[in-house]
Amino acid sequence: MAEVLGMGMSTAVLWIGALAMLAGTLVYLWLGRNVAVYEQDFFIMSISITVIAATAYLAMAMGMGRLSFNGEEVVVVRYIDWLLTTPLIIALLGILADADRSLIATLVGVDIYMIAAGFLGAIADGVFASLVWWALGSIAYLILLYLLLGALSSAADELPDDVSDIFTTLRNLTVVLWSVYR
């Protein structure tokens, strides 16, 4: 099918990703249209995540966002996407867990550092520099996991069972998907 449309399979997948994120945005807009004031932050943040991701996928599908560093092509728009969306995901989990601001800020800071280290590893000149940045990003990821599975989960344990269950499901999805992707 992708060949019929004159695009490669990877480009077709990016278009599908953009459309899927757009669909997610529309779902969040629809579901969030009449929510209580205390729920609005969740929908605004979720819509922000899907709009940013849809924009990134659209840019990649259109062949944009690639830059050359040290003779290697890097998909910079992917790192911009992650730098914007993953802190929002972490903040959403923190708000859902009713965690204190300092824990949420720590989680967001560690997440941003992890993404920045990954980007620096991608643009580094030479294997040693790439490995150093990969190791630093991996250490940040392990700290993030420790906090997600420890302190943040402890905060969520104090919530009513239905909210705690939603948190646990979303936390587990985040941990599994990010671990597979890492």
C-alpha atoms as a PDB file:
ATOM      1  CA  MET A   1       0.000   0.000   0.000  1.00  0.00           C
ATOM      2  CA  ALA A   2       2.792   2.439   0.927  1.00  0.00           C
ATOM      3  CA  GLU A   3       4.443   1.831  -2.425  1.00  0.00           C
ATOM      4  CA  VAL A   4       1.150   2.585  -4.202  1.00  0.00           C
ATOM      5  CA  LEU A   5       1.101   5.979  -2.504  1.00  0.00           C
ATOM      6  CA  GLY A   6       4.692   6.611  -3.588  1.00  0.00           C
ATOM      7  CA  MET A   7       6.275   6.422  -0.152  1.00  0.00           C
ATOM      8  CA  GLY A   8       8.425   3.926   1.660  1.00  0.00           C
ATOM      9  CA  MET A   9       7.153   1.804   4.521  1.00  0.00           C
ATOM     10  CA  SER A  10       8.921   3.878   7.199  1.00  0.00           C
ATOM     11  CA  THR A  11       7.321   7.063   5.852  1.00  0.00           C
ATOM     12  CA  ALA A  12       3.920   5.374   5.825  1.00  0.00           C
ATOM     13  CA  VAL A  13       4.404   4.330   9.457  1.00  0.00           C
ATOM     14  CA  LEU A  14       5.234   7.938  10.364  1.00  0.00           C
ATOM     15  CA  TRP A  15       2.052   9.157   8.643  1.00  0.00           C
ATOM     16  CA  ILE A  16       0.059   6.531  10.532  1.00  0.00           C
ATOM     17  CA  GLY A  17       1.704   7.699  13.766  1.00  0.00           C
ATOM     18  CA  ALA A  18       0.779  11.319  13.033  1.00  0.00           C
ATOM     19  CA  LEU A  19      -2.816  10.355  12.282  1.00  0.00           C
ATOM     20  CA  ALA A  20      -3.018   8.152  15.383  1.00  0.00           C
ATOM     21  CA  MET A  21      -1.780  11.005  17.585  1.00  0.00           C
ATOM     22  CA  LEU A  22      -4.258  13.353  15.916  1.00  0.00           C
ATOM     23  CA  ALA A  23      -7.017  10.830  16.641  1.00  0.00           C
ATOM     24  CA  GLY A  24      -5.853  10.670  20.259  1.00  0.00           C
ATOM     25  CA  THR A  25      -6.008  14.453  20.432  1.00  0.00           C
ATOM     26  CA  LEU A  26      -9.570  14.440  19.129  1.00  0.00           C
ATOM     27  CA  VAL A  27     -10.562  11.782  21.674  1.00  0.00           C
ATOM     28  CA  TYR A  28      -9.077  13.837  24.533  1.00  0.00           C
ATOM     29  CA  LEU A  29     -10.825  16.963  23.229  1.00  0.00           C
ATOM     30  CA  TRP A  30     -14.147  15.106  23.087  1.00  0.00           C
ATOM     31  CA  LEU A  31     -13.800  13.427  26.477  1.00  0.00           C
ATOM     32  CA  GLY A  32     -12.539  16.582  28.158  1.00  0.00           C
ATOM     33  CA  ARG A  33     -15.183  18.955  26.908  1.00  0.00           C
ATOM     34  CA  ASN A  34     -17.351  18.853  30.064  1.00  0.00           C
ATOM     35  CA  VAL A  35     -15.014  17.643  32.797  1.00  0.00           C
ATOM     36  CA  ALA A  36     -14.875  19.106  36.272  1.00  0.00           C
ATOM     37  CA  VAL A  37     -12.359  21.880  36.894  1.00  0.00           C
ATOM     38  CA  TYR A  38     -10.066  19.578  38.902  1.00  0.00           C
ATOM     39  CA  GLU A  39      -9.827  17.209  35.893  1.00  0.00           C
ATOM     40  CA  GLN A  40      -9.043  19.866  33.288  1.00  0.00           C
ATOM     41  CA  ASP A  41      -5.281  19.801  33.908  1.00  0.00           C
ATOM     42  CA  PHE A  42      -5.149  16.117  32.979  1.00  0.00           C
ATOM     43  CA  PHE A  43      -6.912  16.715  29.688  1.00  0.00           C
ATOM     44  CA  ILE A  44      -4.903  19.833  28.837  1.00  0.00           C
ATOM     45  CA  MET A  45      -1.634  17.989  29.490  1.00  0.00           C
ATOM     46  CA  SER A  46      -2.808  14.893  27.585  1.00  0.00           C
ATOM     47  CA  ILE A  47      -3.878  17.021  24.626  1.00  0.00           C
ATOM     48  CA  SER A  48      -0.505  18.794  24.719  1.00  0.00           C
ATOM     49  CA  ILE A  49       1.301  15.441  24.615  1.00  0.00           C
ATOM     50  CA  THR A  50      -0.662  14.137  21.634  1.00  0.00           C
ATOM     51  CA  VAL A  51      -0.488  17.437  19.704  1.00  0.00           C
ATOM     52  CA  ILE A  52       3.292  17.630  20.165  1.00  0.00           C
ATOM     53  CA  ALA A  53       3.722  13.978  19.168  1.00  0.00           C
ATOM     54  CA  ALA A  54       1.426  14.385  16.139  1.00  0.00           C
ATOM     55  CA  THR A  55       3.455  17.411  15.056  1.00  0.00           C
ATOM     56  CA  ALA A  56       6.726  15.518  15.432  1.00  0.00           C
ATOM     57  CA  TYR A  57       5.444  12.519  13.474  1.00  0.00           C
ATOM     58  CA  LEU A  58       4.076  14.825  10.766  1.00  0.00           C
ATOM     59  CA  ALA A  59       7.440  16.592  10.485  1.00  0.00           C
ATOM     60  CA  MET A  60       9.275  13.252  10.259  1.00  0.00           C
ATOM     61  CA  ALA A  61       6.772  11.925   7.689  1.00  0.00           C
ATOM     62  CA  MET A  62       7.439  15.028   5.594  1.00  0.00           C
ATOM     63  CA  GLY A  63      11.189  14.405   5.766  1.00  0.00           C
ATOM     64  CA  MET A  64      11.880  17.259   8.167  1.00  0.00           C
ATOM     65  CA  GLY A  65      13.880  17.434  11.368  1.00  0.00           C
ATOM     66  CA  ARG A  66      17.025  15.603  10.274  1.00  0.00           C
ATOM     67  CA  LEU A  67      20.404  17.225  10.786  1.00  0.00           C
ATOM     68  CA  SER A  68      23.920  16.015  10.161  1.00  0.00           C
ATOM     69  CA  PHE A  69      26.406  15.860  13.043  1.00  0.00           C
ATOM     70  CA  ASN A  70      29.914  14.526  12.513  1.00  0.00           C
ATOM     71  CA  GLY A  71      28.820  12.935   9.257  1.00  0.00           C
ATOM     72  CA  GLU A  72      25.859  11.124  10.865  1.00  0.00           C
ATOM     73  CA  GLU A  73      22.229  12.004  10.300  1.00  0.00           C
ATOM     74  CA  VAL A  74      20.252  12.522  13.516  1.00  0.00           C
ATOM     75  CA  VAL A  75      16.466  12.869  13.703  1.00  0.00           C
ATOM     76  CA  VAL A  76      16.507  15.973  15.899  1.00  0.00           C
ATOM     77  CA  VAL A  77      12.727  16.409  15.847  1.00  0.00           C
ATOM     78  CA  ARG A  78      12.396  13.086  17.701  1.00  0.00           C
ATOM     79  CA  TYR A  79      14.526  14.445  20.570  1.00  0.00           C
ATOM     80  CA  ILE A  80      12.532  17.684  20.608  1.00  0.00           C
ATOM     81  CA  ASP A  81       9.348  15.601  20.839  1.00  0.00           C
ATOM     82  CA  TRP A  82      10.732  13.571  23.750  1.00  0.00           C
ATOM     83  CA  LEU A  83      12.119  16.662  25.487  1.00  0.00           C
ATOM     84  CA  LEU A  84       8.619  18.157  25.497  1.00  0.00           C
ATOM     85  CA  THR A  85       6.335  15.129  25.900  1.00  0.00           C
ATOM     86  CA  THR A  86       8.124  12.866  28.364  1.00  0.00           C
ATOM     87  CA  PRO A  87       8.261  15.505  31.134  1.00  0.00           C
ATOM     88  CA  LEU A  88       4.527  16.041  30.609  1.00  0.00           C
ATOM     89  CA  ILE A  89       3.936  12.291  30.942  1.00  0.00           C
ATOM     90  CA  ILE A  90       6.022  12.213  34.123  1.00  0.00           C
ATOM     91  CA  ALA A  91       4.223  15.281  35.510  1.00  0.00           C
ATOM     92  CA  LEU A  92       0.852  13.684  34.738  1.00  0.00           C
ATOM     93  CA  LEU A  93       1.844  10.577  36.664  1.00  0.00           C
ATOM     94  CA  GLY A  94       3.052  12.756  39.536  1.00  0.00           C
ATOM     95  CA  ILE A  95      -0.164  14.763  39.662  1.00  0.00           C
ATOM     96  CA  LEU A  96      -2.247  11.590  39.454  1.00  0.00           C
ATOM     97  CA  ALA A  97      -0.250  10.112  42.356  1.00  0.00           C
ATOM     98  CA  ASP A  98      -0.837  13.337  44.313  1.00  0.00           C
ATOM     99  CA  ALA A  99       2.925  13.555  44.845  1.00  0.00           C
ATOM    100  CA  ASP A 100       4.536  16.628  46.332  1.00  0.00           C
ATOM    101  CA  ARG A 101       5.982  19.221  43.984  1.00  0.00           C
ATOM    102  CA  SER A 102       9.587  18.468  44.880  1.00  0.00           C
ATOM    103  CA  LEU A 103       9.217  14.817  43.821  1.00  0.00           C
ATOM    104  CA  ILE A 104       7.505  15.800  40.570  1.00  0.00           C
ATOM    105  CA  ALA A 105      10.208  18.412  39.887  1.00  0.00           C
ATOM    106  CA  THR A 106      12.929  15.836  40.582  1.00  0.00           C
ATOM    107  CA  LEU A 107      11.315  13.311  38.238  1.00  0.00           C
ATOM    108  CA  VAL A 108      10.921  15.917  35.489  1.00  0.00           C
ATOM    109  CA  GLY A 109      14.515  17.124  35.919  1.00  0.00           C
ATOM    110  CA  VAL A 110      15.923  13.591  35.746  1.00  0.00           C
ATOM    111  CA  ASP A 111      13.779  12.884  32.680  1.00  0.00           C
ATOM    112  CA  ILE A 112      14.982  16.020  30.883  1.00  0.00           C
ATOM    113  CA  TYR A 113      18.585  15.138  31.708  1.00  0.00           C
ATOM    114  CA  MET A 114      18.043  11.608  30.344  1.00  0.00           C
ATOM    115  CA  ILE A 115      16.703  12.945  27.021  1.00  0.00           C
ATOM    116  CA  ALA A 116      19.471  15.560  26.766  1.00  0.00           C
ATOM    117  CA  ALA A 117      22.145  12.913  27.427  1.00  0.00           C
ATOM    118  CA  GLY A 118      20.609  10.712  24.732  1.00  0.00           C
ATOM    119  CA  PHE A 119      20.714  13.572  22.250  1.00  0.00           C
ATOM    120  CA  LEU A 120      24.316  14.407  23.138  1.00  0.00           C
ATOM    121  CA  GLY A 121      25.189  10.735  22.661  1.00  0.00           C
ATOM    122  CA  ALA A 122      23.570  10.796  19.225  1.00  0.00           C
ATOM    123  CA  ILE A 123      25.573  13.830  18.105  1.00  0.00           C
ATOM    124  CA  ALA A 124      28.830  12.957  19.892  1.00  0.00           C
ATOM    125  CA  ASP A 125      31.991  12.624  17.850  1.00  0.00           C
ATOM    126  CA  GLY A 126      33.406   9.156  18.393  1.00  0.00           C
ATOM    127  CA  VAL A 127      32.464   5.947  20.144  1.00  0.00           C
ATOM    128  CA  PHE A 128      33.895   6.901  23.546  1.00  0.00           C
ATOM    129  CA  ALA A 129      31.915  10.150  23.762  1.00  0.00           C
ATOM    130  CA  SER A 130      28.758   8.367  22.581  1.00  0.00           C
ATOM    131  CA  LEU A 131      29.220   5.678  25.230  1.00  0.00           C
ATOM    132  CA  VAL A 132      29.768   8.253  27.981  1.00  0.00           C
ATOM    133  CA  TRP A 133      26.519  10.026  27.099  1.00  0.00           C
ATOM    134  CA  TRP A 134      24.681   6.707  26.714  1.00  0.00           C
ATOM    135  CA  ALA A 135      25.908   5.654  30.175  1.00  0.00           C
ATOM    136  CA  LEU A 136      24.868   8.967  31.737  1.00  0.00           C
ATOM    137  CA  GLY A 137      21.447   8.747  30.090  1.00  0.00           C
ATOM    138  CA  SER A 138      21.102   5.151  31.269  1.00  0.00           C
ATOM    139  CA  ILE A 139      21.987   6.126  34.841  1.00  0.00           C
ATOM    140  CA  ALA A 140      19.352   8.867  34.677  1.00  0.00           C
ATOM    141  CA  TYR A 141      16.842   6.305  33.401  1.00  0.00           C
ATOM    142  CA  LEU A 142      17.636   3.959  36.289  1.00  0.00           C
ATOM    143  CA  ILE A 143      17.136   6.837  38.743  1.00  0.00           C
ATOM    144  CA  LEU A 144      13.853   7.652  37.019  1.00  0.00           C
ATOM    145  CA  LEU A 145      12.728   4.025  37.343  1.00  0.00           C
ATOM    146  CA  TYR A 146      13.763   3.980  40.998  1.00  0.00           C
ATOM    147  CA  LEU A 147      11.673   7.082  41.705  1.00  0.00           C
ATOM    148  CA  LEU A 148       8.699   5.942  39.610  1.00  0.00           C
ATOM    149  CA  LEU A 149       8.596   2.517  41.211  1.00  0.00           C
ATOM    150  CA  GLY A 150       9.504   3.765  44.696  1.00  0.00           C
ATOM    151  CA  ALA A 151       8.577   7.219  45.973  1.00  0.00           C
ATOM    152  CA  LEU A 152       5.942   7.992  43.338  1.00  0.00           C
ATOM    153  CA  SER A 153       4.261   4.618  43.784  1.00  0.00           C
ATOM    154  CA  SER A 154       4.279   5.102  47.567  1.00  0.00           C
ATOM    155  CA  ALA A 155       2.465   8.405  47.118  1.00  0.00           C
ATOM    156  CA  ALA A 156      -0.131   6.707  44.906  1.00  0.00           C
ATOM    157  CA  ASP A 157      -0.661   3.950  47.473  1.00  0.00           C
ATOM    158  CA  GLU A 158      -2.287   6.545  49.750  1.00  0.00           C
ATOM    159  CA  LEU A 159      -5.020   7.256  47.180  1.00  0.00           C
ATOM    160  CA  PRO A 160      -8.416   5.569  46.796  1.00  0.00           C
ATOM    161  CA  ASP A 161      -8.124   2.167  45.119  1.00  0.00           C
ATOM    162  CA  ASP A 162      -9.638   3.235  41.788  1.00  0.00           C
ATOM    163  CA  VAL A 163      -7.176   6.129  41.383  1.00  0.00           C
ATOM    164  CA  SER A 164      -4.259   4.027  42.624  1.00  0.00           C
ATOM    165  CA  ASP A 165      -5.153   1.316  40.099  1.00  0.00           C
ATOM    166  CA  ILE A 166      -5.224   3.833  37.236  1.00  0.00           C
ATOM    167  CA  PHE A 167      -1.854   5.205  38.359  1.00  0.00           C
ATOM    168  CA  THR A 168      -0.357   1.700  38.548  1.00  0.00           C
ATOM    169  CA  THR A 169      -1.595   0.823  35.055  1.00  0.00           C
ATOM    170  CA  LEU A 170      -0.264   4.052  33.527  1.00  0.00           C
ATOM    171  CA  ARG A 171       3.031   3.799  35.423  1.00  0.00           C
ATOM    172  CA  ASN A 172       3.514   0.203  34.283  1.00  0.00           C
ATOM    173  CA  LEU A 173       2.721   1.079  30.661  1.00  0.00           C
ATOM    174  CA  THR A 174       5.224   3.930  30.816  1.00  0.00           C
ATOM    175  CA  VAL A 175       7.955   1.792  32.387  1.00  0.00           C
ATOM    176  CA  VAL A 176       7.467  -1.131  29.980  1.00  0.00           C
ATOM    177  CA  LEU A 177       7.202   0.971  26.809  1.00  0.00           C
ATOM    178  CA  TRP A 178      10.137   3.214  27.719  1.00  0.00           C
ATOM    179  CA  SER A 179      12.248   0.203  28.713  1.00  0.00           C
ATOM    180  CA  VAL A 180      11.538  -1.533  25.406  1.00  0.00           C
ATOM    181  CA  TYR A 181      12.306   1.666  23.514  1.00  0.00           C
ATOM    182  CA  ARG A 182      15.458   2.441  25.482  1.00  0.00           C
END
